[in-house]
Amino acid sequence: MENAVRTGDFIRGELARQIGGMKGVREIRGQGLMIGIELEYPCGELVQQALERGFLINVTVDNVIRLLPPLIFRTEEAGLLLATLVPLITQFLDRQSAPQAAAQTA
């Protein structure tokens, strides 16, 4: 269980550091390796995009990315997850805010 706590803390800390302040990210939460990333937008499309990159994620209540890696998940593997997932989320949020920015300038 120590590994789950340590690795989960690492993932949540890195998510907070890399995307926590971004417009569109409401909350990063969890305990151990149960991690949720709540966004302001429905984000079901990220499930397929992550799967195409070799990661299985889930989206609940339309806008919460749920991560449930196995308890033996290591920090090295978490780094790979973050290197894949953070750009997916960033690109998704950029696409969501682009129509709003265009509408405000019109």
PDB file of N, CA and C in Angstrom:
ATOM      1  N   MET A   1       0.809  -1.199   0.000  1.00  0.00           N
ATOM      2  CA  MET A   1       0.000   0.000   0.000  1.00  0.00           C
ATOM      3  C   MET A   1       0.857   1.270   0.000  1.00  0.00           C
ATOM      4  N   GLU A   2       2.066   1.169   0.550  1.00  0.00           N
ATOM      5  CA  GLU A   2       2.946   2.337   0.559  1.00  0.00           C
ATOM      6  C   GLU A   2       3.231   2.817  -0.857  1.00  0.00           C
ATOM      7  N   ASN A   3       3.417   1.865  -1.765  1.00  0.00           N
ATOM      8  CA  ASN A   3       3.674   2.228  -3.161  1.00  0.00           C
ATOM      9  C   ASN A   3       2.496   2.986  -3.742  1.00  0.00           C
ATOM     10  N   ALA A   4       1.272   2.529  -3.469  1.00  0.00           N
ATOM     11  CA  ALA A   4       0.079   3.190  -4.001  1.00  0.00           C
ATOM     12  C   ALA A   4      -0.030   4.620  -3.485  1.00  0.00           C
ATOM     13  N   VAL A   5       0.249   4.813  -2.222  1.00  0.00           N
ATOM     14  CA  VAL A   5       0.189   6.150  -1.638  1.00  0.00           C
ATOM     15  C   VAL A   5       1.269   7.038  -2.250  1.00  0.00           C
ATOM     16  N   ARG A   6       2.489   6.543  -2.305  1.00  0.00           N
ATOM     17  CA  ARG A   6       3.621   7.321  -2.827  1.00  0.00           C
ATOM     18  C   ARG A   6       3.406   7.673  -4.305  1.00  0.00           C
ATOM     19  N   THR A   7       3.035   6.687  -5.105  1.00  0.00           N
ATOM     20  CA  THR A   7       2.853   6.924  -6.539  1.00  0.00           C
ATOM     21  C   THR A   7       1.639   7.811  -6.794  1.00  0.00           C
ATOM     22  N   GLY A   8       0.567   7.596  -6.047  1.00  0.00           N
ATOM     23  CA  GLY A   8      -0.615   8.446  -6.191  1.00  0.00           C
ATOM     24  C   GLY A   8      -0.322   9.893  -5.830  1.00  0.00           C
ATOM     25  N   ASP A   9       0.431  10.092  -4.760  1.00  0.00           N
ATOM     26  CA  ASP A   9       0.832  11.455  -4.376  1.00  0.00           C
ATOM     27  C   ASP A   9       1.664  12.096  -5.480  1.00  0.00           C
ATOM     28  N   PHE A  10       2.563  11.315  -6.058  1.00  0.00           N
ATOM     29  CA  PHE A  10       3.391  11.823  -7.153  1.00  0.00           C
ATOM     30  C   PHE A  10       2.521  12.246  -8.337  1.00  0.00           C
ATOM     31  N   ILE A  11       1.579  11.388  -8.743  1.00  0.00           N
ATOM     32  CA  ILE A  11       0.726  11.700  -9.897  1.00  0.00           C
ATOM     33  C   ILE A  11      -0.117  12.941  -9.623  1.00  0.00           C
ATOM     34  N   ARG A  12      -0.772  12.995  -8.474  1.00  0.00           N
ATOM     35  CA  ARG A  12      -1.612  14.160  -8.163  1.00  0.00           C
ATOM     36  C   ARG A  12      -0.778  15.430  -8.071  1.00  0.00           C
ATOM     37  N   GLY A  13       0.401  15.332  -7.487  1.00  0.00           N
ATOM     38  CA  GLY A  13       1.271  16.500  -7.397  1.00  0.00           C
ATOM     39  C   GLY A  13       1.698  17.010  -8.760  1.00  0.00           C
ATOM     40  N   GLU A  14       2.061  16.094  -9.639  1.00  0.00           N
ATOM     41  CA  GLU A  14       2.466  16.497 -10.990  1.00  0.00           C
ATOM     42  C   GLU A  14       1.290  17.044 -11.788  1.00  0.00           C
ATOM     43  N   LEU A  15       0.129  16.433 -11.646  1.00  0.00           N
ATOM     44  CA  LEU A  15      -1.062  16.959 -12.332  1.00  0.00           C
ATOM     45  C   LEU A  15      -1.368  18.370 -11.842  1.00  0.00           C
ATOM     46  N   ALA A  16      -1.295  18.583 -10.534  1.00  0.00           N
ATOM     47  CA  ALA A  16      -1.551  19.910  -9.977  1.00  0.00           C
ATOM     48  C   ALA A  16      -0.532  20.917 -10.510  1.00  0.00           C
ATOM     49  N   ARG A  17       0.713  20.504 -10.571  1.00  0.00           N
ATOM     50  CA  ARG A  17       1.767  21.400 -11.049  1.00  0.00           C
ATOM     51  C   ARG A  17       1.625  21.717 -12.530  1.00  0.00           C
ATOM     52  N   GLN A  18       1.279  20.712 -13.336  1.00  0.00           N
ATOM     53  CA  GLN A  18       1.273  20.883 -14.787  1.00  0.00           C
ATOM     54  C   GLN A  18      -0.030  21.436 -15.343  1.00  0.00           C
ATOM     55  N   ILE A  19      -1.176  21.053 -14.759  1.00  0.00           N
ATOM     56  CA  ILE A  19      -2.444  21.515 -15.326  1.00  0.00           C
ATOM     57  C   ILE A  19      -3.390  22.108 -14.282  1.00  0.00           C
ATOM     58  N   GLY A  20      -3.013  22.100 -13.022  1.00  0.00           N
ATOM     59  CA  GLY A  20      -3.906  22.535 -11.960  1.00  0.00           C
ATOM     60  C   GLY A  20      -4.433  23.949 -12.103  1.00  0.00           C
ATOM     61  N   GLY A  21      -3.647  24.834 -12.631  1.00  0.00           N
ATOM     62  CA  GLY A  21      -4.078  26.222 -12.771  1.00  0.00           C
ATOM     63  C   GLY A  21      -4.694  26.558 -14.117  1.00  0.00           C
ATOM     64  N   MET A  22      -4.830  25.564 -14.961  1.00  0.00           N
ATOM     65  CA  MET A  22      -5.356  25.823 -16.306  1.00  0.00           C
ATOM     66  C   MET A  22      -6.851  26.125 -16.280  1.00  0.00           C
ATOM     67  N   LYS A  23      -7.260  27.037 -17.155  1.00  0.00           N
ATOM     68  CA  LYS A  23      -8.688  27.295 -17.331  1.00  0.00           C
ATOM     69  C   LYS A  23      -9.322  26.011 -17.847  1.00  0.00           C
ATOM     70  N   GLY A  24     -10.379  25.594 -17.199  1.00  0.00           N
ATOM     71  CA  GLY A  24     -11.070  24.376 -17.596  1.00  0.00           C
ATOM     72  C   GLY A  24     -10.840  23.210 -16.663  1.00  0.00           C
ATOM     73  N   VAL A  25      -9.847  23.314 -15.783  1.00  0.00           N
ATOM     74  CA  VAL A  25      -9.599  22.263 -14.783  1.00  0.00           C
ATOM     75  C   VAL A  25     -10.228  22.725 -13.477  1.00  0.00           C
ATOM     76  N   ARG A  26     -11.229  21.994 -13.016  1.00  0.00           N
ATOM     77  CA  ARG A  26     -11.914  22.360 -11.769  1.00  0.00           C
ATOM     78  C   ARG A  26     -11.208  21.822 -10.536  1.00  0.00           C
ATOM     79  N   GLU A  27     -10.813  20.537 -10.595  1.00  0.00           N
ATOM     80  CA  GLU A  27     -10.234  19.928  -9.392  1.00  0.00           C
ATOM     81  C   GLU A  27      -9.448  18.680  -9.761  1.00  0.00           C
ATOM     82  N   ILE A  28      -8.392  18.446  -9.010  1.00  0.00           N
ATOM     83  CA  ILE A  28      -7.626  17.202  -9.088  1.00  0.00           C
ATOM     84  C   ILE A  28      -7.714  16.590  -7.698  1.00  0.00           C
ATOM     85  N   ARG A  29      -8.237  15.374  -7.626  1.00  0.00           N
ATOM     86  CA  ARG A  29      -8.481  14.781  -6.311  1.00  0.00           C
ATOM     87  C   ARG A  29      -8.189  13.297  -6.334  1.00  0.00           C
ATOM     88  N   GLY A  30      -8.199  12.699  -5.163  1.00  0.00           N
ATOM     89  CA  GLY A  30      -8.043  11.261  -5.084  1.00  0.00           C
ATOM     90  C   GLY A  30      -7.402  10.823  -3.790  1.00  0.00           C
ATOM     91  N   GLN A  31      -7.241   9.522  -3.715  1.00  0.00           N
ATOM     92  CA  GLN A  31      -6.583   8.903  -2.574  1.00  0.00           C
ATOM     93  C   GLN A  31      -5.830   7.698  -3.107  1.00  0.00           C
ATOM     94  N   GLY A  32      -4.560   7.590  -2.735  1.00  0.00           N
ATOM     95  CA  GLY A  32      -3.752   6.510  -3.284  1.00  0.00           C
ATOM     96  C   GLY A  32      -3.732   6.625  -4.800  1.00  0.00           C
ATOM     97  N   LEU A  33      -3.985   5.519  -5.459  1.00  0.00           N
ATOM     98  CA  LEU A  33      -3.976   5.521  -6.920  1.00  0.00           C
ATOM     99  C   LEU A  33      -5.365   5.714  -7.544  1.00  0.00           C
ATOM    100  N   MET A  34      -6.353   6.049  -6.744  1.00  0.00           N
ATOM    101  CA  MET A  34      -7.664   6.433  -7.275  1.00  0.00           C
ATOM    102  C   MET A  34      -7.628   7.942  -7.475  1.00  0.00           C
ATOM    103  N   ILE A  35      -7.627   8.364  -8.735  1.00  0.00           N
ATOM    104  CA  ILE A  35      -7.397   9.771  -9.039  1.00  0.00           C
ATOM    105  C   ILE A  35      -8.499  10.276  -9.957  1.00  0.00           C
ATOM    106  N   GLY A  36      -8.999  11.474  -9.665  1.00  0.00           N
ATOM    107  CA  GLY A  36     -10.004  12.111 -10.503  1.00  0.00           C
ATOM    108  C   GLY A  36      -9.539  13.489 -10.926  1.00  0.00           C
ATOM    109  N   ILE A  37      -9.781  13.802 -12.191  1.00  0.00           N
ATOM    110  CA  ILE A  37      -9.460  15.122 -12.740  1.00  0.00           C
ATOM    111  C   ILE A  37     -10.772  15.683 -13.266  1.00  0.00           C
ATOM    112  N   GLU A  38     -11.332  16.648 -12.551  1.00  0.00           N
ATOM    113  CA  GLU A  38     -12.616  17.213 -12.958  1.00  0.00           C
ATOM    114  C   GLU A  38     -12.392  18.406 -13.864  1.00  0.00           C
ATOM    115  N   LEU A  39     -12.996  18.345 -15.044  1.00  0.00           N
ATOM    116  CA  LEU A  39     -12.897  19.421 -16.020  1.00  0.00           C
ATOM    117  C   LEU A  39     -14.224  20.169 -16.097  1.00  0.00           C
ATOM    118  N   GLU A  40     -14.234  21.292 -16.761  1.00  0.00           N
ATOM    119  CA  GLU A  40     -15.455  22.074 -16.935  1.00  0.00           C
ATOM    120  C   GLU A  40     -16.291  21.594 -18.112  1.00  0.00           C
ATOM    121  N   TYR A  41     -15.768  20.683 -18.915  1.00  0.00           N
ATOM    122  CA  TYR A  41     -16.430  20.266 -20.147  1.00  0.00           C
ATOM    123  C   TYR A  41     -16.588  18.749 -20.188  1.00  0.00           C
ATOM    124  N   PRO A  42     -17.623  18.269 -20.869  1.00  0.00           N
ATOM    125  CA  PRO A  42     -17.713  16.825 -21.117  1.00  0.00           C
ATOM    126  C   PRO A  42     -16.471  16.388 -21.895  1.00  0.00           C
ATOM    127  N   CYS A  43     -15.843  15.311 -21.447  1.00  0.00           N
ATOM    128  CA  CYS A  43     -14.548  14.945 -22.026  1.00  0.00           C
ATOM    129  C   CYS A  43     -14.458  13.470 -22.404  1.00  0.00           C
ATOM    130  N   GLY A  44     -15.582  12.866 -22.744  1.00  0.00           N
ATOM    131  CA  GLY A  44     -15.592  11.453 -23.106  1.00  0.00           C
ATOM    132  C   GLY A  44     -14.678  11.103 -24.260  1.00  0.00           C
ATOM    133  N   GLU A  45     -14.424  12.047 -25.145  1.00  0.00           N
ATOM    134  CA  GLU A  45     -13.552  11.775 -26.296  1.00  0.00           C
ATOM    135  C   GLU A  45     -12.130  11.413 -25.870  1.00  0.00           C
ATOM    136  N   LEU A  46     -11.729  11.796 -24.671  1.00  0.00           N
ATOM    137  CA  LEU A  46     -10.380  11.497 -24.196  1.00  0.00           C
ATOM    138  C   LEU A  46     -10.163  10.011 -23.942  1.00  0.00           C
ATOM    139  N   VAL A  47     -11.243   9.267 -23.698  1.00  0.00           N
ATOM    140  CA  VAL A  47     -11.118   7.826 -23.455  1.00  0.00           C
ATOM    141  C   VAL A  47     -10.486   7.149 -24.666  1.00  0.00           C
ATOM    142  N   GLN A  48     -11.014   7.420 -25.850  1.00  0.00           N
ATOM    143  CA  GLN A  48     -10.489   6.808 -27.071  1.00  0.00           C
ATOM    144  C   GLN A  48      -9.089   7.318 -27.397  1.00  0.00           C
ATOM    145  N   GLN A  49      -8.869   8.601 -27.201  1.00  0.00           N
ATOM    146  CA  GLN A  49      -7.548   9.165 -27.483  1.00  0.00           C
ATOM    147  C   GLN A  49      -6.478   8.548 -26.585  1.00  0.00           C
ATOM    148  N   ALA A  50      -6.790   8.348 -25.319  1.00  0.00           N
ATOM    149  CA  ALA A  50      -5.835   7.713 -24.409  1.00  0.00           C
ATOM    150  C   ALA A  50      -5.626   6.252 -24.785  1.00  0.00           C
ATOM    151  N   LEU A  51      -6.697   5.570 -25.139  1.00  0.00           N
ATOM    152  CA  LEU A  51      -6.598   4.162 -25.533  1.00  0.00           C
ATOM    153  C   LEU A  51      -5.691   3.995 -26.750  1.00  0.00           C
ATOM    154  N   GLU A  52      -5.792   4.909 -27.703  1.00  0.00           N
ATOM    155  CA  GLU A  52      -4.935   4.866 -28.892  1.00  0.00           C
ATOM    156  C   GLU A  52      -3.463   5.024 -28.526  1.00  0.00           C
ATOM    157  N   ARG A  53      -3.203   5.591 -27.368  1.00  0.00           N
ATOM    158  CA  ARG A  53      -1.818   5.770 -26.896  1.00  0.00           C
ATOM    159  C   ARG A  53      -1.423   4.737 -25.843  1.00  0.00           C
ATOM    160  N   GLY A  54      -2.297   3.751 -25.638  1.00  0.00           N
ATOM    161  CA  GLY A  54      -1.962   2.636 -24.762  1.00  0.00           C
ATOM    162  C   GLY A  54      -2.387   2.776 -23.316  1.00  0.00           C
ATOM    163  N   PHE A  55      -3.251   3.749 -23.005  1.00  0.00           N
ATOM    164  CA  PHE A  55      -3.698   3.947 -21.633  1.00  0.00           C
ATOM    165  C   PHE A  55      -5.203   3.821 -21.544  1.00  0.00           C
ATOM    166  N   LEU A  56      -5.653   3.133 -20.518  1.00  0.00           N
ATOM    167  CA  LEU A  56      -7.073   2.954 -20.270  1.00  0.00           C
ATOM    168  C   LEU A  56      -7.500   3.924 -19.180  1.00  0.00           C
ATOM    169  N   ILE A  57      -8.338   4.876 -19.556  1.00  0.00           N
ATOM    170  CA  ILE A  57      -8.908   5.806 -18.591  1.00  0.00           C
ATOM    171  C   ILE A  57     -10.419   5.682 -18.688  1.00  0.00           C
ATOM    172  N   ASN A  58     -11.092   6.310 -17.755  1.00  0.00           N
ATOM    173  CA  ASN A  58     -12.538   6.296 -17.721  1.00  0.00           C
ATOM    174  C   ASN A  58     -12.994   7.726 -17.504  1.00  0.00           C
ATOM    175  N   VAL A  59     -14.163   8.062 -18.033  1.00  0.00           N
ATOM    176  CA  VAL A  59     -14.752   9.369 -17.765  1.00  0.00           C
ATOM    177  C   VAL A  59     -16.102   9.135 -17.104  1.00  0.00           C
ATOM    178  N   THR A  60     -16.291   9.742 -15.946  1.00  0.00           N
ATOM    179  CA  THR A  60     -17.552   9.604 -15.218  1.00  0.00           C
ATOM    180  C   THR A  60     -18.251  10.955 -15.156  1.00  0.00           C
ATOM    181  N   VAL A  61     -19.516  10.930 -14.953  1.00  0.00           N
ATOM    182  CA  VAL A  61     -20.362  12.127 -14.906  1.00  0.00           C
ATOM    183  C   VAL A  61     -20.015  13.119 -16.014  1.00  0.00           C
ATOM    184  N   ASP A  62     -19.637  12.628 -17.156  1.00  0.00           N
ATOM    185  CA  ASP A  62     -19.324  13.403 -18.361  1.00  0.00           C
ATOM    186  C   ASP A  62     -18.034  14.219 -18.309  1.00  0.00           C
ATOM    187  N   ASN A  63     -17.586  14.636 -17.125  1.00  0.00           N
ATOM    188  CA  ASN A  63     -16.462  15.570 -17.102  1.00  0.00           C
ATOM    189  C   ASN A  63     -15.375  15.234 -16.078  1.00  0.00           C
ATOM    190  N   VAL A  64     -15.370  14.016 -15.549  1.00  0.00           N
ATOM    191  CA  VAL A  64     -14.332  13.627 -14.583  1.00  0.00           C
ATOM    192  C   VAL A  64     -13.515  12.478 -15.163  1.00  0.00           C
ATOM    193  N   ILE A  65     -12.248  12.737 -15.406  1.00  0.00           N
ATOM    194  CA  ILE A  65     -11.335  11.693 -15.860  1.00  0.00           C
ATOM    195  C   ILE A  65     -10.962  10.880 -14.632  1.00  0.00           C
ATOM    196  N   ARG A  66     -11.175   9.574 -14.712  1.00  0.00           N
ATOM    197  CA  ARG A  66     -10.873   8.706 -13.570  1.00  0.00           C
ATOM    198  C   ARG A  66      -9.715   7.797 -13.934  1.00  0.00           C
ATOM    199  N   LEU A  67      -8.712   7.809 -13.092  1.00  0.00           N
ATOM    200  CA  LEU A  67      -7.545   6.947 -13.251  1.00  0.00           C
ATOM    201  C   LEU A  67      -7.552   5.923 -12.130  1.00  0.00           C
ATOM    202  N   LEU A  68      -7.405   4.659 -12.470  1.00  0.00           N
ATOM    203  CA  LEU A  68      -7.353   3.577 -11.489  1.00  0.00           C
ATOM    204  C   LEU A  68      -6.243   2.603 -11.865  1.00  0.00           C
ATOM    205  N   PRO A  69      -4.989   3.041 -11.826  1.00  0.00           N
ATOM    206  CA  PRO A  69      -3.899   2.118 -12.157  1.00  0.00           C
ATOM    207  C   PRO A  69      -3.770   1.032 -11.086  1.00  0.00           C
ATOM    208  N   PRO A  70      -3.109  -0.062 -11.418  1.00  0.00           N
ATOM    209  CA  PRO A  70      -2.943  -1.136 -10.435  1.00  0.00           C
ATOM    210  C   PRO A  70      -2.068  -0.684  -9.265  1.00  0.00           C
ATOM    211  N   LEU A  71      -2.234  -1.342  -8.138  1.00  0.00           N
ATOM    212  CA  LEU A  71      -1.490  -0.972  -6.930  1.00  0.00           C
ATOM    213  C   LEU A  71       0.015  -1.118  -7.088  1.00  0.00           C
ATOM    214  N   ILE A  72       0.465  -1.889  -8.059  1.00  0.00           N
ATOM    215  CA  ILE A  72       1.898  -2.069  -8.280  1.00  0.00           C
ATOM    216  C   ILE A  72       2.464  -1.039  -9.266  1.00  0.00           C
ATOM    217  N   PHE A  73       1.653  -0.089  -9.684  1.00  0.00           N
ATOM    218  CA  PHE A  73       2.067   0.972 -10.605  1.00  0.00           C
ATOM    219  C   PHE A  73       3.228   1.734  -9.983  1.00  0.00           C
ATOM    220  N   ARG A  74       4.303   1.886 -10.738  1.00  0.00           N
ATOM    221  CA  ARG A  74       5.520   2.529 -10.217  1.00  0.00           C
ATOM    222  C   ARG A  74       5.633   3.975 -10.698  1.00  0.00           C
ATOM    223  N   THR A  75       6.475   4.719 -10.030  1.00  0.00           N
ATOM    224  CA  THR A  75       6.685   6.125 -10.376  1.00  0.00           C
ATOM    225  C   THR A  75       7.162   6.275 -11.816  1.00  0.00           C
ATOM    226  N   GLU A  76       8.006   5.353 -12.278  1.00  0.00           N
ATOM    227  CA  GLU A  76       8.491   5.419 -13.664  1.00  0.00           C
ATOM    228  C   GLU A  76       7.325   5.295 -14.645  1.00  0.00           C
ATOM    229  N   GLU A  77       6.407   4.385 -14.351  1.00  0.00           N
ATOM    230  CA  GLU A  77       5.229   4.206 -15.210  1.00  0.00           C
ATOM    231  C   GLU A  77       4.310   5.422 -15.097  1.00  0.00           C
ATOM    232  N   ALA A  78       4.235   5.991 -13.911  1.00  0.00           N
ATOM    233  CA  ALA A  78       3.425   7.187 -13.712  1.00  0.00           C
ATOM    234  C   ALA A  78       3.963   8.339 -14.562  1.00  0.00           C
ATOM    235  N   GLY A  79       5.274   8.434 -14.683  1.00  0.00           N
ATOM    236  CA  GLY A  79       5.866   9.461 -15.529  1.00  0.00           C
ATOM    237  C   GLY A  79       5.451   9.315 -16.976  1.00  0.00           C
ATOM    238  N   LEU A  80       5.399   8.095 -17.452  1.00  0.00           N
ATOM    239  CA  LEU A  80       4.942   7.838 -18.823  1.00  0.00           C
ATOM    240  C   LEU A  80       3.473   8.196 -18.971  1.00  0.00           C
ATOM    241  N   LEU A  81       2.674   7.840 -17.991  1.00  0.00           N
ATOM    242  CA  LEU A  81       1.251   8.204 -18.009  1.00  0.00           C
ATOM    243  C   LEU A  81       1.092   9.709 -18.100  1.00  0.00           C
ATOM    244  N   LEU A  82       1.806  10.434 -17.258  1.00  0.00           N
ATOM    245  CA  LEU A  82       1.711  11.892 -17.257  1.00  0.00           C
ATOM    246  C   LEU A  82       2.186  12.496 -18.570  1.00  0.00           C
ATOM    247  N   ALA A  83       3.254  11.952 -19.126  1.00  0.00           N
ATOM    248  CA  ALA A  83       3.789  12.459 -20.399  1.00  0.00           C
ATOM    249  C   ALA A  83       2.793  12.264 -21.535  1.00  0.00           C
ATOM    250  N   THR A  84       1.894  11.320 -21.391  1.00  0.00           N
ATOM    251  CA  THR A  84       0.873  11.064 -22.409  1.00  0.00           C
ATOM    252  C   THR A  84      -0.415  11.818 -22.101  1.00  0.00           C
ATOM    253  N   LEU A  85      -0.859  11.755 -20.853  1.00  0.00           N
ATOM    254  CA  LEU A  85      -2.162  12.294 -20.488  1.00  0.00           C
ATOM    255  C   LEU A  85      -2.194  13.820 -20.423  1.00  0.00           C
ATOM    256  N   VAL A  86      -1.167  14.439 -19.885  1.00  0.00           N
ATOM    257  CA  VAL A  86      -1.164  15.899 -19.749  1.00  0.00           C
ATOM    258  C   VAL A  86      -1.312  16.593 -21.105  1.00  0.00           C
ATOM    259  N   PRO A  87      -0.569  16.200 -22.151  1.00  0.00           N
ATOM    260  CA  PRO A  87      -0.787  16.836 -23.451  1.00  0.00           C
ATOM    261  C   PRO A  87      -2.199  16.588 -24.007  1.00  0.00           C
ATOM    262  N   LEU A  88      -2.757  15.398 -23.778  1.00  0.00           N
ATOM    263  CA  LEU A  88      -4.123  15.140 -24.236  1.00  0.00           C
ATOM    264  C   LEU A  88      -5.108  16.098 -23.580  1.00  0.00           C
ATOM    265  N   ILE A  89      -4.977  16.278 -22.273  1.00  0.00           N
ATOM    266  CA  ILE A  89      -5.877  17.173 -21.552  1.00  0.00           C
ATOM    267  C   ILE A  89      -5.656  18.617 -21.993  1.00  0.00           C
ATOM    268  N   THR A  90      -4.396  19.016 -22.133  1.00  0.00           N
ATOM    269  CA  THR A  90      -4.075  20.380 -22.550  1.00  0.00           C
ATOM    270  C   THR A  90      -4.650  20.686 -23.930  1.00  0.00           C
ATOM    271  N   GLN A  91      -4.462  19.777 -24.865  1.00  0.00           N
ATOM    272  CA  GLN A  91      -4.997  19.966 -26.218  1.00  0.00           C
ATOM    273  C   GLN A  91      -6.520  20.001 -26.203  1.00  0.00           C
ATOM    274  N   PHE A  92      -7.134  19.125 -25.405  1.00  0.00           N
ATOM    275  CA  PHE A  92      -8.585  19.109 -25.282  1.00  0.00           C
ATOM    276  C   PHE A  92      -9.092  20.454 -24.763  1.00  0.00           C
ATOM    277  N   LEU A  93      -8.485  20.967 -23.706  1.00  0.00           N
ATOM    278  CA  LEU A  93      -8.918  22.242 -23.137  1.00  0.00           C
ATOM    279  C   LEU A  93      -8.686  23.397 -24.105  1.00  0.00           C
ATOM    280  N   ASP A  94      -7.610  23.356 -24.856  1.00  0.00           N
ATOM    281  CA  ASP A  94      -7.364  24.386 -25.874  1.00  0.00           C
ATOM    282  C   ASP A  94      -8.477  24.385 -26.913  1.00  0.00           C
ATOM    283  N   ARG A  95      -8.904  23.189 -27.328  1.00  0.00           N
ATOM    284  CA  ARG A  95      -9.996  23.092 -28.315  1.00  0.00           C
ATOM    285  C   ARG A  95     -11.310  23.605 -27.736  1.00  0.00           C
ATOM    286  N   GLN A  96     -11.547  23.380 -26.457  1.00  0.00           N
ATOM    287  CA  GLN A  96     -12.790  23.811 -25.843  1.00  0.00           C
ATOM    288  C   GLN A  96     -12.840  25.320 -25.700  1.00  0.00           C
ATOM    289  N   SER A  97     -11.731  25.941 -25.389  1.00  0.00           N
ATOM    290  CA  SER A  97     -11.712  27.381 -25.167  1.00  0.00           C
ATOM    291  C   SER A  97     -11.601  28.166 -26.467  1.00  0.00           C
ATOM    292  N   ALA A  98     -11.155  27.555 -27.540  1.00  0.00           N
ATOM    293  CA  ALA A  98     -10.994  28.270 -28.818  1.00  0.00           C
ATOM    294  C   ALA A  98     -12.318  28.831 -29.335  1.00  0.00           C
ATOM    295  N   PRO A  99     -13.418  28.066 -29.367  1.00  0.00           N
ATOM    296  CA  PRO A  99     -14.677  28.653 -29.851  1.00  0.00           C
ATOM    297  C   PRO A  99     -15.174  29.799 -28.965  1.00  0.00           C
ATOM    298  N   GLN A 100     -14.942  29.706 -27.664  1.00  0.00           N
ATOM    299  CA  GLN A 100     -15.374  30.764 -26.755  1.00  0.00           C
ATOM    300  C   GLN A 100     -14.565  32.032 -26.989  1.00  0.00           C
ATOM    301  N   ALA A 101     -13.264  31.893 -27.203  1.00  0.00           N
ATOM    302  CA  ALA A 101     -12.419  33.051 -27.454  1.00  0.00           C
ATOM    303  C   ALA A 101     -12.817  33.715 -28.763  1.00  0.00           C
ATOM    304  N   ALA A 102     -13.118  32.911 -29.783  1.00  0.00           N
ATOM    305  CA  ALA A 102     -13.539  33.459 -31.079  1.00  0.00           C
ATOM    306  C   ALA A 102     -14.872  34.207 -30.944  1.00  0.00           C
ATOM    307  N   ALA A 103     -15.776  33.675 -30.150  1.00  0.00           N
ATOM    308  CA  ALA A 103     -17.075  34.307 -29.968  1.00  0.00           C
ATOM    309  C   ALA A 103     -16.937  35.642 -29.223  1.00  0.00           C
ATOM    310  N   GLN A 104     -16.007  35.741 -28.304  1.00  0.00           N
ATOM    311  CA  GLN A 104     -15.820  36.974 -27.543  1.00  0.00           C
ATOM    312  C   GLN A 104     -15.217  38.079 -28.388  1.00  0.00           C
ATOM    313  N   THR A 105     -14.386  37.725 -29.377  1.00  0.00           N
ATOM    314  CA  THR A 105     -13.760  38.746 -30.227  1.00  0.00           C
ATOM    315  C   THR A 105     -14.660  39.165 -31.371  1.00  0.00           C
ATOM    316  N   ALA A 106     -15.698  38.401 -31.649  1.00  0.00           N
ATOM    317  CA  ALA A 106     -16.593  38.730 -32.767  1.00  0.00           C
ATOM    318  C   ALA A 106     -17.554  39.834 -32.414  1.00  0.00           C
TER     319      ALA A 106
END
